[in-house]
Amino acid sequence: MKTKILMVCLGNICRSPLAEGLLKSKLDPRKFTVDSAGTGHWHVGNSPDPRSVEVAKKNGIDISAQRGMQFKPTFFEAYDHIFVMDNSNYRDVMQLAKSQADKDKVSLILDEVFPMENVDVPDPYHGGVDGFDNVFAMLDEATTIIADRIS
């Protein structure tokens, strides 16, 4: 049985698609499934932001086939680990949890790099390309730690 991992941000077009692509590139697809979702509904069915696609592409990862989906309470049953990009997303996801077991699956992704510091992955949506490069670097470090720990 595969271990299922979900990456969550606000709109599922910038940060979580990058985190999904990065972690997928580091794990055996026969053993792991990695997806992403947003807490908001605005981009359901849409491709990732072109800037996320571009930064991933220049780093050898293709995320262009991903499509946005919205986080649903049923995802607690479907996924073994849920990594959220910031404290706001963390609160939104935790509000949908029905049990302690659900809550135990959720963590801030940068807690992997900065344990217990509650550091957010900044949302690069309203910024320039540099913001996407910085987010990619942060998520690359965090997903390397995750991959090493769960492989």
Protein backbone atom coordinates (compact mmCIF):
# COMPACT_ATOMS: atom_id res chain seq x y z
CA MET A 1 0.00 0.00 0.00
CA LYS A 2 1.31 3.42 -0.96
CA THR A 3 1.93 6.22 1.50
CA LYS A 4 -0.18 9.22 0.44
CA ILE A 5 1.04 12.77 1.01
CA LEU A 6 -0.84 16.02 0.41
CA MET A 7 0.62 19.52 0.09
CA VAL A 8 -1.77 22.39 0.89
CA CYS A 9 -1.67 26.15 0.25
CA LEU A 10 -4.34 28.79 -0.32
CA GLY A 11 -5.13 28.57 -4.03
CA ASN A 12 -3.18 25.47 -5.13
CA ILE A 13 -1.41 27.30 -7.95
CA CYS A 14 1.90 28.52 -6.48
CA ARG A 15 3.40 26.88 -3.39
CA SER A 16 1.66 23.51 -3.06
CA PRO A 17 2.15 22.54 -6.73
CA LEU A 18 5.88 23.24 -6.32
CA ALA A 19 5.97 21.19 -3.11
CA GLU A 20 4.10 18.36 -4.84
CA GLY A 21 6.48 18.35 -7.80
CA LEU A 22 9.56 18.53 -5.62
CA LEU A 23 8.54 15.71 -3.29
CA LYS A 24 7.38 13.50 -6.19
CA SER A 25 10.81 13.92 -7.77
CA LYS A 26 12.46 12.59 -4.58
CA LEU A 27 10.25 9.58 -3.81
CA ASP A 28 9.66 6.19 -5.41
CA PRO A 29 6.27 6.44 -7.21
CA ARG A 30 5.68 2.74 -6.52
CA LYS A 31 5.65 3.48 -2.79
CA PHE A 32 4.34 7.05 -2.56
CA THR A 33 1.57 9.23 -3.96
CA VAL A 34 1.95 13.00 -3.67
CA ASP A 35 -0.84 15.47 -4.47
CA SER A 36 -1.67 19.08 -3.66
CA ALA A 37 -4.76 21.11 -2.86
CA GLY A 38 -5.83 24.59 -1.83
CA THR A 39 -8.02 25.69 1.03
CA GLY A 40 -9.78 28.05 -1.39
CA HIS A 41 -11.89 27.16 -4.41
CA TRP A 42 -10.82 29.88 -6.85
CA HIS A 43 -8.44 27.79 -8.97
CA VAL A 44 -10.09 24.35 -8.97
CA GLY A 45 -9.24 22.68 -12.28
CA ASN A 46 -6.66 25.31 -13.22
CA SER A 47 -3.00 24.79 -14.06
CA PRO A 48 -0.35 26.06 -11.66
CA ASP A 49 0.71 29.70 -11.95
CA PRO A 50 3.01 30.09 -14.99
CA ARG A 51 5.76 31.38 -12.69
CA SER A 52 5.60 28.18 -10.61
CA VAL A 53 5.68 26.10 -13.79
CA GLU A 54 8.70 28.06 -15.02
CA VAL A 55 10.74 27.86 -11.81
CA ALA A 56 10.03 24.14 -11.59
CA LYS A 57 10.97 23.65 -15.25
CA LYS A 58 14.28 25.46 -14.92
CA ASN A 59 15.06 23.10 -12.02
CA GLY A 60 14.19 19.99 -14.01
CA ILE A 61 10.66 19.36 -12.70
CA ASP A 62 7.49 19.40 -14.80
CA ILE A 63 4.37 20.46 -12.89
CA SER A 64 2.43 21.65 -15.95
CA ALA A 65 -0.03 18.72 -15.89
CA GLN A 66 -1.18 19.41 -12.31
CA ARG A 67 -4.69 20.78 -11.81
CA GLY A 68 -5.96 22.66 -8.78
CA MET A 69 -8.30 21.02 -6.30
CA GLN A 70 -9.85 22.19 -3.06
CA PHE A 71 -9.12 20.57 0.29
CA LYS A 72 -12.04 18.48 1.55
CA PRO A 73 -12.60 16.87 4.96
CA THR A 74 -12.48 13.44 3.28
CA PHE A 75 -8.80 14.07 2.55
CA PHE A 76 -8.01 13.25 6.19
CA GLU A 77 -8.99 9.65 5.43
CA ALA A 78 -7.32 9.60 2.01
CA TYR A 79 -3.88 10.92 3.03
CA ASP A 80 -1.30 9.79 5.56
CA HIS A 81 0.54 13.12 5.81
CA ILE A 82 -0.75 16.64 5.13
CA PHE A 83 1.81 19.44 4.85
CA VAL A 84 0.52 23.01 4.84
CA MET A 85 2.43 26.04 3.60
CA ASP A 86 1.51 28.60 6.26
CA ASN A 87 -0.22 29.18 9.57
CA SER A 88 -3.43 30.45 7.96
CA ASN A 89 -3.75 27.26 5.89
CA TYR A 90 -2.90 25.25 9.00
CA ARG A 91 -5.81 26.82 10.90
CA ASP A 92 -8.19 26.31 7.96
CA VAL A 93 -7.28 22.63 7.61
CA MET A 94 -7.37 21.98 11.37
CA GLN A 95 -10.89 23.45 11.57
CA LEU A 96 -12.04 20.67 9.26
CA ALA A 97 -10.45 17.91 11.35
CA LYS A 98 -12.93 15.64 13.09
CA SER A 99 -10.54 13.79 15.37
CA GLN A 100 -7.13 13.90 16.97
CA ALA A 101 -5.99 11.35 14.38
CA ASP A 102 -6.92 13.85 11.65
CA LYS A 103 -5.04 16.64 13.41
CA ASP A 104 -1.97 14.46 13.91
CA LYS A 105 -1.58 14.16 10.13
CA VAL A 106 -1.22 17.94 9.64
CA SER A 107 1.99 19.93 9.97
CA LEU A 108 3.62 23.07 8.63
CA ILE A 109 6.05 22.07 5.91
CA LEU A 110 8.79 24.39 7.15
CA ASP A 111 8.66 22.72 10.57
CA GLU A 112 10.85 20.18 8.79
CA VAL A 113 13.56 22.85 8.48
CA PHE A 114 12.72 25.02 11.50
CA PRO A 115 11.13 22.68 14.08
CA MET A 116 8.48 24.29 16.27
CA GLU A 117 9.18 27.80 14.90
CA ASN A 118 5.89 28.02 12.92
CA VAL A 119 7.62 29.52 9.87
CA ASP A 120 5.42 30.26 6.83
CA VAL A 121 6.34 29.64 3.22
CA PRO A 122 5.65 33.13 1.85
CA ASP A 123 3.01 33.36 -0.87
CA PRO A 124 4.85 34.56 -4.00
CA TYR A 125 1.66 35.25 -5.99
CA HIS A 126 1.76 39.06 -5.81
CA GLY A 127 5.53 39.31 -6.20
CA GLY A 128 8.04 38.83 -8.95
CA VAL A 129 9.93 35.80 -10.19
CA ASP A 130 12.48 36.10 -7.36
CA GLY A 131 9.76 35.18 -4.87
CA PHE A 132 9.10 31.95 -6.75
CA ASP A 133 12.83 31.14 -6.79
CA ASN A 134 13.00 31.72 -3.03
CA VAL A 135 9.91 29.57 -2.38
CA PHE A 136 11.35 26.81 -4.57
CA ALA A 137 14.59 26.82 -2.54
CA MET A 138 12.67 26.66 0.77
CA LEU A 139 10.47 23.83 -0.44
CA ASP A 140 13.41 21.98 -1.95
CA GLU A 141 15.10 21.90 1.45
CA ALA A 142 11.93 20.86 3.29
CA THR A 143 11.00 18.14 0.80
CA THR A 144 14.53 16.72 0.91
CA ILE A 145 14.18 16.33 4.69
CA ILE A 146 10.72 14.76 4.31
CA ALA A 147 11.92 12.35 1.61
CA ASP A 148 14.93 11.30 3.66
CA ARG A 149 12.76 10.73 6.74
CA ILE A 150 9.98 8.69 5.11
CA SER A 151 11.91 6.74 2.48
